[in-house]
Amino acid sequence: MRFLIDENLSPRLVVAVGDLFPGSVHVETLCMRGGTDAAVWTVARDRGFAILTKDEDFSGMSVLYGAPPKVIHLRMGNVGTQAVADLLTEHHARIVAFGDDQATSLLVLP
């Protein structure tokens, strides 16, 4: 699984989890910082990304529209990049299984 990382998460996360989730990119890399949720959704869907976000709007879109794209909603407070990377590492097997599950569009962590 590869992520399109939303702007509410650090671009440094790409490097921090690059070994576990190769091919992941941050919206900043695609010149989408400040873009609408709809634009992020469309790019993720069209390019085969799962959206990694702290934004509840994407959870709602996932419930309304289903996948693709899949959405991983991180329910974490204001924490550093390493804490997010640690959470993703801890739940790696669960995230991979979610990616393989055709019936599920939303994963909420932790």
PDB file of N, CA and C in Angstrom:
ATOM      1  N   MET A   1       0.849  -1.172   0.000  1.00  0.00           N
ATOM      2  CA  MET A   1       0.000   0.000   0.000  1.00  0.00           C
ATOM      3  C   MET A   1       0.892   1.232   0.000  1.00  0.00           C
ATOM      4  N   ARG A   2       0.503   2.199  -0.771  1.00  0.00           N
ATOM      5  CA  ARG A   2       1.237   3.462  -0.775  1.00  0.00           C
ATOM      6  C   ARG A   2       0.260   4.590  -0.463  1.00  0.00           C
ATOM      7  N   PHE A   3       0.767   5.572   0.244  1.00  0.00           N
ATOM      8  CA  PHE A   3      -0.068   6.644   0.758  1.00  0.00           C
ATOM      9  C   PHE A   3       0.090   7.931  -0.032  1.00  0.00           C
ATOM     10  N   LEU A   4      -1.007   8.667  -0.128  1.00  0.00           N
ATOM     11  CA  LEU A   4      -0.978  10.088  -0.431  1.00  0.00           C
ATOM     12  C   LEU A   4      -1.194  10.739   0.927  1.00  0.00           C
ATOM     13  N   ILE A   5      -0.151  11.356   1.448  1.00  0.00           N
ATOM     14  CA  ILE A   5      -0.167  11.893   2.806  1.00  0.00           C
ATOM     15  C   ILE A   5      -0.711  13.312   2.771  1.00  0.00           C
ATOM     16  N   ASP A   6      -1.767  13.511   3.548  1.00  0.00           N
ATOM     17  CA  ASP A   6      -2.465  14.790   3.589  1.00  0.00           C
ATOM     18  C   ASP A   6      -1.595  15.870   4.220  1.00  0.00           C
ATOM     19  N   GLU A   7      -1.941  17.120   3.961  1.00  0.00           N
ATOM     20  CA  GLU A   7      -1.129  18.231   4.422  1.00  0.00           C
ATOM     21  C   GLU A   7      -1.153  18.422   5.932  1.00  0.00           C
ATOM     22  N   ASN A   8      -2.074  17.767   6.647  1.00  0.00           N
ATOM     23  CA  ASN A   8      -2.074  17.892   8.094  1.00  0.00           C
ATOM     24  C   ASN A   8      -1.045  16.975   8.752  1.00  0.00           C
ATOM     25  N   LEU A   9      -0.270  16.279   7.954  1.00  0.00           N
ATOM     26  CA  LEU A   9       0.851  15.451   8.413  1.00  0.00           C
ATOM     27  C   LEU A   9       2.128  15.957   7.747  1.00  0.00           C
ATOM     28  N   SER A  10       3.231  15.729   8.400  1.00  0.00           N
ATOM     29  CA  SER A  10       4.514  16.245   7.917  1.00  0.00           C
ATOM     30  C   SER A  10       4.983  15.547   6.645  1.00  0.00           C
ATOM     31  N   PRO A  11       5.569  16.313   5.715  1.00  0.00           N
ATOM     32  CA  PRO A  11       6.186  15.705   4.532  1.00  0.00           C
ATOM     33  C   PRO A  11       7.329  14.743   4.901  1.00  0.00           C
ATOM     34  N   ARG A  12       7.936  14.929   6.078  1.00  0.00           N
ATOM     35  CA  ARG A  12       9.017  14.041   6.524  1.00  0.00           C
ATOM     36  C   ARG A  12       8.523  12.615   6.750  1.00  0.00           C
ATOM     37  N   LEU A  13       7.226  12.436   6.850  1.00  0.00           N
ATOM     38  CA  LEU A  13       6.666  11.103   7.060  1.00  0.00           C
ATOM     39  C   LEU A  13       6.959  10.187   5.877  1.00  0.00           C
ATOM     40  N   VAL A  14       7.105  10.741   4.692  1.00  0.00           N
ATOM     41  CA  VAL A  14       7.419   9.945   3.500  1.00  0.00           C
ATOM     42  C   VAL A  14       8.710   9.159   3.716  1.00  0.00           C
ATOM     43  N   VAL A  15       9.715   9.815   4.227  1.00  0.00           N
ATOM     44  CA  VAL A  15      10.996   9.154   4.485  1.00  0.00           C
ATOM     45  C   VAL A  15      10.885   8.231   5.696  1.00  0.00           C
ATOM     46  N   ALA A  16      10.165   8.673   6.728  1.00  0.00           N
ATOM     47  CA  ALA A  16      10.073   7.912   7.971  1.00  0.00           C
ATOM     48  C   ALA A  16       9.422   6.538   7.784  1.00  0.00           C
ATOM     49  N   VAL A  17       8.500   6.432   6.820  1.00  0.00           N
ATOM     50  CA  VAL A  17       7.809   5.142   6.602  1.00  0.00           C
ATOM     51  C   VAL A  17       8.053   4.604   5.195  1.00  0.00           C
ATOM     52  N   GLY A  18       9.019   5.162   4.512  1.00  0.00           N
ATOM     53  CA  GLY A  18       9.293   4.780   3.134  1.00  0.00           C
ATOM     54  C   GLY A  18       9.633   3.317   2.934  1.00  0.00           C
ATOM     55  N   ASP A  19      10.304   2.709   3.907  1.00  0.00           N
ATOM     56  CA  ASP A  19      10.637   1.290   3.792  1.00  0.00           C
ATOM     57  C   ASP A  19       9.401   0.408   3.908  1.00  0.00           C
ATOM     58  N   LEU A  20       8.452   0.810   4.741  1.00  0.00           N
ATOM     59  CA  LEU A  20       7.231   0.020   4.950  1.00  0.00           C
ATOM     60  C   LEU A  20       6.173   0.277   3.886  1.00  0.00           C
ATOM     61  N   PHE A  21       6.126   1.509   3.396  1.00  0.00           N
ATOM     62  CA  PHE A  21       5.098   1.902   2.437  1.00  0.00           C
ATOM     63  C   PHE A  21       5.746   2.631   1.245  1.00  0.00           C
ATOM     64  N   PRO A  22       6.517   1.878   0.451  1.00  0.00           N
ATOM     65  CA  PRO A  22       7.235   2.504  -0.665  1.00  0.00           C
ATOM     66  C   PRO A  22       6.272   3.107  -1.684  1.00  0.00           C
ATOM     67  N   GLY A  23       6.709   4.206  -2.262  1.00  0.00           N
ATOM     68  CA  GLY A  23       5.897   4.881  -3.267  1.00  0.00           C
ATOM     69  C   GLY A  23       4.953   5.914  -2.694  1.00  0.00           C
ATOM     70  N   SER A  24       4.974   6.075  -1.376  1.00  0.00           N
ATOM     71  CA  SER A  24       4.121   7.081  -0.737  1.00  0.00           C
ATOM     72  C   SER A  24       4.650   8.476  -1.052  1.00  0.00           C
ATOM     73  N   VAL A  25       3.729   9.428  -1.147  1.00  0.00           N
ATOM     74  CA  VAL A  25       4.095  10.821  -1.408  1.00  0.00           C
ATOM     75  C   VAL A  25       3.246  11.739  -0.540  1.00  0.00           C
ATOM     76  N   HIS A  26       3.747  12.923  -0.343  1.00  0.00           N
ATOM     77  CA  HIS A  26       3.015  13.966   0.389  1.00  0.00           C
ATOM     78  C   HIS A  26       2.336  14.874  -0.627  1.00  0.00           C
ATOM     79  N   VAL A  27       1.196  15.437  -0.251  1.00  0.00           N
ATOM     80  CA  VAL A  27       0.488  16.331  -1.184  1.00  0.00           C
ATOM     81  C   VAL A  27       1.378  17.481  -1.640  1.00  0.00           C
ATOM     82  N   GLU A  28       2.299  17.905  -0.791  1.00  0.00           N
ATOM     83  CA  GLU A  28       3.218  18.985  -1.152  1.00  0.00           C
ATOM     84  C   GLU A  28       4.062  18.618  -2.374  1.00  0.00           C
ATOM     85  N   THR A  29       4.468  17.360  -2.462  1.00  0.00           N
ATOM     86  CA  THR A  29       5.271  16.887  -3.588  1.00  0.00           C
ATOM     87  C   THR A  29       4.503  17.016  -4.900  1.00  0.00           C
ATOM     88  N   LEU A  30       3.188  16.885  -4.823  1.00  0.00           N
ATOM     89  CA  LEU A  30       2.341  16.980  -6.010  1.00  0.00           C
ATOM     90  C   LEU A  30       1.784  18.390  -6.207  1.00  0.00           C
ATOM     91  N   CYS A  31       2.366  19.359  -5.480  1.00  0.00           N
ATOM     92  CA  CYS A  31       1.932  20.766  -5.556  1.00  0.00           C
ATOM     93  C   CYS A  31       0.453  20.913  -5.227  1.00  0.00           C
ATOM     94  N   MET A  32       0.008  20.160  -4.222  1.00  0.00           N
ATOM     95  CA  MET A  32      -1.409  20.191  -3.848  1.00  0.00           C
ATOM     96  C   MET A  32      -1.636  20.774  -2.454  1.00  0.00           C
ATOM     97  N   ARG A  33      -0.619  21.341  -1.834  1.00  0.00           N
ATOM     98  CA  ARG A  33      -0.819  21.957  -0.517  1.00  0.00           C
ATOM     99  C   ARG A  33      -1.869  23.052  -0.666  1.00  0.00           C
ATOM    100  N   GLY A  34      -2.874  23.010   0.209  1.00  0.00           N
ATOM    101  CA  GLY A  34      -3.974  23.978   0.138  1.00  0.00           C
ATOM    102  C   GLY A  34      -5.071  23.563  -0.830  1.00  0.00           C
ATOM    103  N   GLY A  35      -4.899  22.409  -1.466  1.00  0.00           N
ATOM    104  CA  GLY A  35      -5.916  21.920  -2.404  1.00  0.00           C
ATOM    105  C   GLY A  35      -7.160  21.445  -1.674  1.00  0.00           C
ATOM    106  N   THR A  36      -8.224  21.323  -2.384  1.00  0.00           N
ATOM    107  CA  THR A  36      -9.477  20.880  -1.782  1.00  0.00           C
ATOM    108  C   THR A  36      -9.424  19.391  -1.470  1.00  0.00           C
ATOM    109  N   ASP A  37     -10.275  18.984  -0.541  1.00  0.00           N
ATOM    110  CA  ASP A  37     -10.384  17.559  -0.228  1.00  0.00           C
ATOM    111  C   ASP A  37     -10.802  16.780  -1.470  1.00  0.00           C
ATOM    112  N   ALA A  38     -11.677  17.361  -2.266  1.00  0.00           N
ATOM    113  CA  ALA A  38     -12.133  16.685  -3.487  1.00  0.00           C
ATOM    114  C   ALA A  38     -10.977  16.451  -4.452  1.00  0.00           C
ATOM    115  N   ALA A  39     -10.071  17.421  -4.560  1.00  0.00           N
ATOM    116  CA  ALA A  39      -8.923  17.270  -5.456  1.00  0.00           C
ATOM    117  C   ALA A  39      -7.979  16.180  -4.944  1.00  0.00           C
ATOM    118  N   VAL A  40      -7.739  16.154  -3.634  1.00  0.00           N
ATOM    119  CA  VAL A  40      -6.881  15.122  -3.045  1.00  0.00           C
ATOM    120  C   VAL A  40      -7.518  13.752  -3.263  1.00  0.00           C
ATOM    121  N   TRP A  41      -8.811  13.666  -3.043  1.00  0.00           N
ATOM    122  CA  TRP A  41      -9.554  12.409  -3.242  1.00  0.00           C
ATOM    123  C   TRP A  41      -9.386  11.904  -4.676  1.00  0.00           C
ATOM    124  N   THR A  42      -9.565  12.795  -5.630  1.00  0.00           N
ATOM    125  CA  THR A  42      -9.491  12.427  -7.047  1.00  0.00           C
ATOM    126  C   THR A  42      -8.100  11.943  -7.424  1.00  0.00           C
ATOM    127  N   VAL A  43      -7.081  12.655  -6.982  1.00  0.00           N
ATOM    128  CA  VAL A  43      -5.705  12.248  -7.293  1.00  0.00           C
ATOM    129  C   VAL A  43      -5.404  10.889  -6.673  1.00  0.00           C
ATOM    130  N   ALA A  44      -5.798  10.701  -5.416  1.00  0.00           N
ATOM    131  CA  ALA A  44      -5.556   9.415  -4.752  1.00  0.00           C
ATOM    132  C   ALA A  44      -6.270   8.289  -5.498  1.00  0.00           C
ATOM    133  N   ARG A  45      -7.499   8.514  -5.858  1.00  0.00           N
ATOM    134  CA  ARG A  45      -8.281   7.498  -6.586  1.00  0.00           C
ATOM    135  C   ARG A  45      -7.651   7.185  -7.938  1.00  0.00           C
ATOM    136  N   ASP A  46      -7.320   8.203  -8.678  1.00  0.00           N
ATOM    137  CA  ASP A  46      -6.821   8.015 -10.039  1.00  0.00           C
ATOM    138  C   ASP A  46      -5.404   7.452 -10.098  1.00  0.00           C
ATOM    139  N   ARG A  47      -4.612   7.675  -9.052  1.00  0.00           N
ATOM    140  CA  ARG A  47      -3.212   7.232  -9.060  1.00  0.00           C
ATOM    141  C   ARG A  47      -2.942   6.039  -8.142  1.00  0.00           C
ATOM    142  N   GLY A  48      -3.995   5.479  -7.552  1.00  0.00           N
ATOM    143  CA  GLY A  48      -3.842   4.265  -6.757  1.00  0.00           C
ATOM    144  C   GLY A  48      -3.254   4.443  -5.377  1.00  0.00           C
ATOM    145  N   PHE A  49      -3.453   5.611  -4.772  1.00  0.00           N
ATOM    146  CA  PHE A  49      -2.993   5.868  -3.417  1.00  0.00           C
ATOM    147  C   PHE A  49      -4.108   5.606  -2.414  1.00  0.00           C
ATOM    148  N   ALA A  50      -3.733   5.312  -1.181  1.00  0.00           N
ATOM    149  CA  ALA A  50      -4.629   5.397  -0.037  1.00  0.00           C
ATOM    150  C   ALA A  50      -4.348   6.747   0.617  1.00  0.00           C
ATOM    151  N   ILE A  51      -5.370   7.412   1.095  1.00  0.00           N
ATOM    152  CA  ILE A  51      -5.186   8.705   1.751  1.00  0.00           C
ATOM    153  C   ILE A  51      -4.860   8.474   3.224  1.00  0.00           C
ATOM    154  N   LEU A  52      -3.746   9.054   3.675  1.00  0.00           N
ATOM    155  CA  LEU A  52      -3.352   9.026   5.078  1.00  0.00           C
ATOM    156  C   LEU A  52      -3.583  10.415   5.633  1.00  0.00           C
ATOM    157  N   THR A  53      -4.432  10.534   6.650  1.00  0.00           N
ATOM    158  CA  THR A  53      -4.881  11.844   7.086  1.00  0.00           C
ATOM    159  C   THR A  53      -5.279  11.869   8.550  1.00  0.00           C
ATOM    160  N   LYS A  54      -5.377  13.069   9.087  1.00  0.00           N
ATOM    161  CA  LYS A  54      -5.994  13.303  10.387  1.00  0.00           C
ATOM    162  C   LYS A  54      -7.347  14.007  10.193  1.00  0.00           C
ATOM    163  N   ASP A  55      -7.716  14.268   8.978  1.00  0.00           N
ATOM    164  CA  ASP A  55      -8.910  15.041   8.626  1.00  0.00           C
ATOM    165  C   ASP A  55     -10.150  14.145   8.602  1.00  0.00           C
ATOM    166  N   GLU A  56     -11.110  14.451   9.463  1.00  0.00           N
ATOM    167  CA  GLU A  56     -12.341  13.663   9.528  1.00  0.00           C
ATOM    168  C   GLU A  56     -13.169  13.758   8.247  1.00  0.00           C
ATOM    169  N   ASP A  57     -12.971  14.804   7.465  1.00  0.00           N
ATOM    170  CA  ASP A  57     -13.737  14.946   6.216  1.00  0.00           C
ATOM    171  C   ASP A  57     -13.517  13.749   5.299  1.00  0.00           C
ATOM    172  N   PHE A  58     -12.290  13.232   5.258  1.00  0.00           N
ATOM    173  CA  PHE A  58     -12.020  12.085   4.401  1.00  0.00           C
ATOM    174  C   PHE A  58     -12.720  10.822   4.905  1.00  0.00           C
ATOM    175  N   SER A  59     -12.879  10.712   6.221  1.00  0.00           N
ATOM    176  CA  SER A  59     -13.642   9.577   6.760  1.00  0.00           C
ATOM    177  C   SER A  59     -15.076   9.632   6.258  1.00  0.00           C
ATOM    178  N   GLY A  60     -15.654  10.813   6.295  1.00  0.00           N
ATOM    179  CA  GLY A  60     -17.013  10.986   5.795  1.00  0.00           C
ATOM    180  C   GLY A  60     -17.123  10.682   4.317  1.00  0.00           C
ATOM    181  N   MET A  61     -16.154  11.129   3.549  1.00  0.00           N
ATOM    182  CA  MET A  61     -16.156  10.855   2.112  1.00  0.00           C
ATOM    183  C   MET A  61     -16.038   9.360   1.858  1.00  0.00           C
ATOM    184  N   SER A  62     -15.226   8.680   2.666  1.00  0.00           N
ATOM    185  CA  SER A  62     -15.044   7.248   2.511  1.00  0.00           C
ATOM    186  C   SER A  62     -16.348   6.495   2.764  1.00  0.00           C
ATOM    187  N   VAL A  63     -17.053   6.897   3.805  1.00  0.00           N
ATOM    188  CA  VAL A  63     -18.333   6.261   4.115  1.00  0.00           C
ATOM    189  C   VAL A  63     -19.347   6.547   3.003  1.00  0.00           C
ATOM    190  N   LEU A  64     -19.339   7.763   2.500  1.00  0.00           N
ATOM    191  CA  LEU A  64     -20.296   8.166   1.467  1.00  0.00           C
ATOM    192  C   LEU A  64     -20.000   7.539   0.113  1.00  0.00           C
ATOM    193  N   TYR A  65     -18.745   7.557  -0.307  1.00  0.00           N
ATOM    194  CA  TYR A  65     -18.385   7.128  -1.662  1.00  0.00           C
ATOM    195  C   TYR A  65     -17.759   5.735  -1.738  1.00  0.00           C
ATOM    196  N   GLY A  66     -17.220   5.240  -0.629  1.00  0.00           N
ATOM    197  CA  GLY A  66     -16.515   3.965  -0.662  1.00  0.00           C
ATOM    198  C   GLY A  66     -15.162   4.105  -1.337  1.00  0.00           C
ATOM    199  N   ALA A  67     -14.534   2.974  -1.558  1.00  0.00           N
ATOM    200  CA  ALA A  67     -13.202   2.968  -2.178  1.00  0.00           C
ATOM    201  C   ALA A  67     -13.320   2.628  -3.647  1.00  0.00           C
ATOM    202  N   PRO A  68     -12.377   3.014  -4.457  1.00  0.00           N
ATOM    203  CA  PRO A  68     -11.167   3.730  -4.103  1.00  0.00           C
ATOM    204  C   PRO A  68     -11.417   5.229  -3.980  1.00  0.00           C
ATOM    205  N   PRO A  69     -10.545   5.922  -3.298  1.00  0.00           N
ATOM    206  CA  PRO A  69      -9.377   5.440  -2.585  1.00  0.00           C
ATOM    207  C   PRO A  69      -9.748   4.972  -1.183  1.00  0.00           C
ATOM    208  N   LYS A  70      -8.885   4.180  -0.625  1.00  0.00           N
ATOM    209  CA  LYS A  70      -9.031   3.804   0.774  1.00  0.00           C
ATOM    210  C   LYS A  70      -8.512   4.966   1.621  1.00  0.00           C
ATOM    211  N   VAL A  71      -9.049   5.066   2.841  1.00  0.00           N
ATOM    212  CA  VAL A  71      -8.668   6.153   3.741  1.00  0.00           C
ATOM    213  C   VAL A  71      -8.204   5.564   5.061  1.00  0.00           C
ATOM    214  N   ILE A  72      -7.051   6.040   5.525  1.00  0.00           N
ATOM    215  CA  ILE A  72      -6.574   5.719   6.863  1.00  0.00           C
ATOM    216  C   ILE A  72      -6.626   7.011   7.661  1.00  0.00           C
ATOM    217  N   HIS A  73      -7.535   7.021   8.626  1.00  0.00           N
ATOM    218  CA  HIS A  73      -7.744   8.205   9.460  1.00  0.00           C
ATOM    219  C   HIS A  73      -7.015   8.011  10.782  1.00  0.00           C
ATOM    220  N   LEU A  74      -6.054   8.871  11.040  1.00  0.00           N
ATOM    221  CA  LEU A  74      -5.282   8.823  12.273  1.00  0.00           C
ATOM    222  C   LEU A  74      -5.934   9.719  13.312  1.00  0.00           C
ATOM    223  N   ARG A  75      -6.409   9.112  14.358  1.00  0.00           N
ATOM    224  CA  ARG A  75      -6.998   9.885  15.452  1.00  0.00           C
ATOM    225  C   ARG A  75      -5.943  10.050  16.531  1.00  0.00           C
ATOM    226  N   MET A  76      -5.086  11.012  16.298  1.00  0.00           N
ATOM    227  CA  MET A  76      -3.993  11.325  17.210  1.00  0.00           C
ATOM    228  C   MET A  76      -4.016  12.826  17.440  1.00  0.00           C
ATOM    229  N   GLY A  77      -3.613  13.216  18.605  1.00  0.00           N
ATOM    230  CA  GLY A  77      -3.502  14.645  18.873  1.00  0.00           C
ATOM    231  C   GLY A  77      -2.337  15.243  18.113  1.00  0.00           C
ATOM    232  N   ASN A  78      -1.902  16.373  18.580  1.00  0.00           N
ATOM    233  CA  ASN A  78      -0.782  17.069  17.963  1.00  0.00           C
ATOM    234  C   ASN A  78       0.511  16.386  18.397  1.00  0.00           C
ATOM    235  N   VAL A  79       0.933  15.413  17.605  1.00  0.00           N
ATOM    236  CA  VAL A  79       2.127  14.636  17.932  1.00  0.00           C
ATOM    237  C   VAL A  79       3.152  14.804  16.814  1.00  0.00           C
ATOM    238  N   GLY A  80       4.374  14.444  17.107  1.00  0.00           N
ATOM    239  CA  GLY A  80       5.451  14.572  16.136  1.00  0.00           C
ATOM    240  C   GLY A  80       5.431  13.479  15.083  1.00  0.00           C
ATOM    241  N   THR A  81       6.252  13.681  14.082  1.00  0.00           N
ATOM    242  CA  THR A  81       6.358  12.752  12.964  1.00  0.00           C
ATOM    243  C   THR A  81       6.766  11.359  13.431  1.00  0.00           C
ATOM    244  N   GLN A  82       7.673  11.289  14.385  1.00  0.00           N
ATOM    245  CA  GLN A  82       8.127   9.976  14.851  1.00  0.00           C
ATOM    246  C   GLN A  82       6.997   9.200  15.516  1.00  0.00           C
ATOM    247  N   ALA A  83       6.124   9.874  16.248  1.00  0.00           N
ATOM    248  CA  ALA A  83       4.985   9.191  16.878  1.00  0.00           C
ATOM    249  C   ALA A  83       4.035   8.628  15.823  1.00  0.00           C
ATOM    250  N   VAL A  84       3.837   9.371  14.753  1.00  0.00           N
ATOM    251  CA  VAL A  84       2.986   8.878  13.655  1.00  0.00           C
ATOM    252  C   VAL A  84       3.662   7.689  12.983  1.00  0.00           C
ATOM    253  N   ALA A  85       4.956   7.804  12.711  1.00  0.00           N
ATOM    254  CA  ALA A  85       5.698   6.703  12.087  1.00  0.00           C
ATOM    255  C   ALA A  85       5.666   5.458  12.975  1.00  0.00           C
ATOM    256  N   ASP A  86       5.798   5.644  14.282  1.00  0.00           N
ATOM    257  CA  ASP A  86       5.742   4.512  15.202  1.00  0.00           C
ATOM    258  C   ASP A  86       4.377   3.838  15.167  1.00  0.00           C
ATOM    259  N   LEU A  87       3.323   4.629  15.103  1.00  0.00           N
ATOM    260  CA  LEU A  87       1.965   4.067  15.027  1.00  0.00           C
ATOM    261  C   LEU A  87       1.788   3.260  13.747  1.00  0.00           C
ATOM    262  N   LEU A  88       2.240   3.792  12.629  1.00  0.00           N
ATOM    263  CA  LEU A  88       2.122   3.090  11.354  1.00  0.00           C
ATOM    264  C   LEU A  88       2.955   1.810  11.346  1.00  0.00           C
ATOM    265  N   THR A  89       4.111   1.857  11.974  1.00  0.00           N
ATOM    266  CA  THR A  89       4.947   0.667  12.079  1.00  0.00           C
ATOM    267  C   THR A  89       4.269  -0.387  12.940  1.00  0.00           C
ATOM    268  N   GLU A  90       3.739   0.047  14.061  1.00  0.00           N
ATOM    269  CA  GLU A  90       3.051  -0.869  14.984  1.00  0.00           C
ATOM    270  C   GLU A  90       1.859  -1.560  14.317  1.00  0.00           C
ATOM    271  N   HIS A  91       1.173  -0.845  13.448  1.00  0.00           N
ATOM    272  CA  HIS A  91      -0.038  -1.377  12.816  1.00  0.00           C
ATOM    273  C   HIS A  91       0.191  -1.805  11.363  1.00  0.00           C
ATOM    274  N   HIS A  92       1.446  -2.017  10.993  1.00  0.00           N
ATOM    275  CA  HIS A  92       1.774  -2.341   9.606  1.00  0.00           C
ATOM    276  C   HIS A  92       0.970  -3.530   9.085  1.00  0.00           C
ATOM    277  N   ALA A  93       0.933  -4.620   9.810  1.00  0.00           N
ATOM    278  CA  ALA A  93       0.207  -5.814   9.348  1.00  0.00           C
ATOM    279  C   ALA A  93      -1.281  -5.517   9.178  1.00  0.00           C
ATOM    280  N   ARG A  94      -1.833  -4.758  10.088  1.00  0.00           N
ATOM    281  CA  ARG A  94      -3.252  -4.378   9.996  1.00  0.00           C
ATOM    282  C   ARG A  94      -3.510  -3.494   8.771  1.00  0.00           C
ATOM    283  N   ILE A  95      -2.588  -2.588   8.487  1.00  0.00           N
ATOM    284  CA  ILE A  95      -2.728  -1.695   7.330  1.00  0.00           C
ATOM    285  C   ILE A  95      -2.635  -2.493   6.037  1.00  0.00           C
ATOM    286  N   VAL A  96      -1.702  -3.426   5.961  1.00  0.00           N
ATOM    287  CA  VAL A  96      -1.564  -4.268   4.767  1.00  0.00           C
ATOM    288  C   VAL A  96      -2.825  -5.102   4.557  1.00  0.00           C
ATOM    289  N   ALA A  97      -3.358  -5.685   5.627  1.00  0.00           N
ATOM    290  CA  ALA A  97      -4.595  -6.469   5.522  1.00  0.00           C
ATOM    291  C   ALA A  97      -5.757  -5.587   5.067  1.00  0.00           C
ATOM    292  N   PHE A  98      -5.817  -4.364   5.571  1.00  0.00           N
ATOM    293  CA  PHE A  98      -6.836  -3.403   5.146  1.00  0.00           C
ATOM    294  C   PHE A  98      -6.714  -3.119   3.649  1.00  0.00           C
ATOM    295  N   GLY A  99      -5.500  -2.960   3.177  1.00  0.00           N
ATOM    296  CA  GLY A  99      -5.273  -2.710   1.755  1.00  0.00           C
ATOM    297  C   GLY A  99      -5.749  -3.846   0.878  1.00  0.00           C
ATOM    298  N   ASP A 100      -5.672  -5.061   1.391  1.00  0.00           N
ATOM    299  CA  ASP A 100      -6.097  -6.245   0.632  1.00  0.00           C
ATOM    300  C   ASP A 100      -7.591  -6.520   0.731  1.00  0.00           C
ATOM    301  N   ASP A 101      -8.260  -5.905   1.683  1.00  0.00           N
ATOM    302  CA  ASP A 101      -9.689  -6.146   1.922  1.00  0.00           C
ATOM    303  C   ASP A 101     -10.532  -5.315   0.955  1.00  0.00           C
ATOM    304  N   GLN A 102     -11.144  -5.972  -0.002  1.00  0.00           N
ATOM    305  CA  GLN A 102     -11.926  -5.274  -1.026  1.00  0.00           C
ATOM    306  C   GLN A 102     -13.213  -4.653  -0.491  1.00  0.00           C
ATOM    307  N   ALA A 103     -13.686  -5.109   0.672  1.00  0.00           N
ATOM    308  CA  ALA A 103     -14.973  -4.660   1.189  1.00  0.00           C
ATOM    309  C   ALA A 103     -14.875  -3.464   2.114  1.00  0.00           C
ATOM    310  N   THR A 104     -13.672  -3.068   2.490  1.00  0.00           N
ATOM    311  CA  THR A 104     -13.500  -2.010   3.487  1.00  0.00           C
ATOM    312  C   THR A 104     -12.815  -0.806   2.861  1.00  0.00           C
ATOM    313  N   SER A 105     -13.366   0.389   3.169  1.00  0.00           N
ATOM    314  CA  SER A 105     -12.778   1.611   2.599  1.00  0.00           C
ATOM    315  C   SER A 105     -12.128   2.516   3.632  1.00  0.00           C
ATOM    316  N   LEU A 106     -12.374   2.264   4.928  1.00  0.00           N
ATOM    317  CA  LEU A 106     -11.896   3.163   5.977  1.00  0.00           C
ATOM    318  C   LEU A 106     -11.254   2.376   7.109  1.00  0.00           C
ATOM    319  N   LEU A 107     -10.065   2.820   7.511  1.00  0.00           N
ATOM    320  CA  LEU A 107      -9.389   2.266   8.685  1.00  0.00           C
ATOM    321  C   LEU A 107      -9.081   3.436   9.607  1.00  0.00           C
ATOM    322  N   VAL A 108      -9.532   3.328  10.850  1.00  0.00           N
ATOM    323  CA  VAL A 108      -9.279   4.363  11.845  1.00  0.00           C
ATOM    324  C   VAL A 108      -8.238   3.832  12.819  1.00  0.00           C
ATOM    325  N   LEU A 109      -7.178   4.597  13.024  1.00  0.00           N
ATOM    326  CA  LEU A 109      -6.115   4.244  13.957  1.00  0.00           C
ATOM    327  C   LEU A 109      -5.948   5.385  14.937  1.00  0.00           C
ATOM    328  N   PRO A 110      -5.583   5.235  16.179  1.00  0.00           N
ATOM    329  CA  PRO A 110      -5.330   3.955  16.812  1.00  0.00           C
ATOM    330  C   PRO A 110      -6.600   3.242  17.187  1.00  0.00           C
TER     331      PRO A 110
END
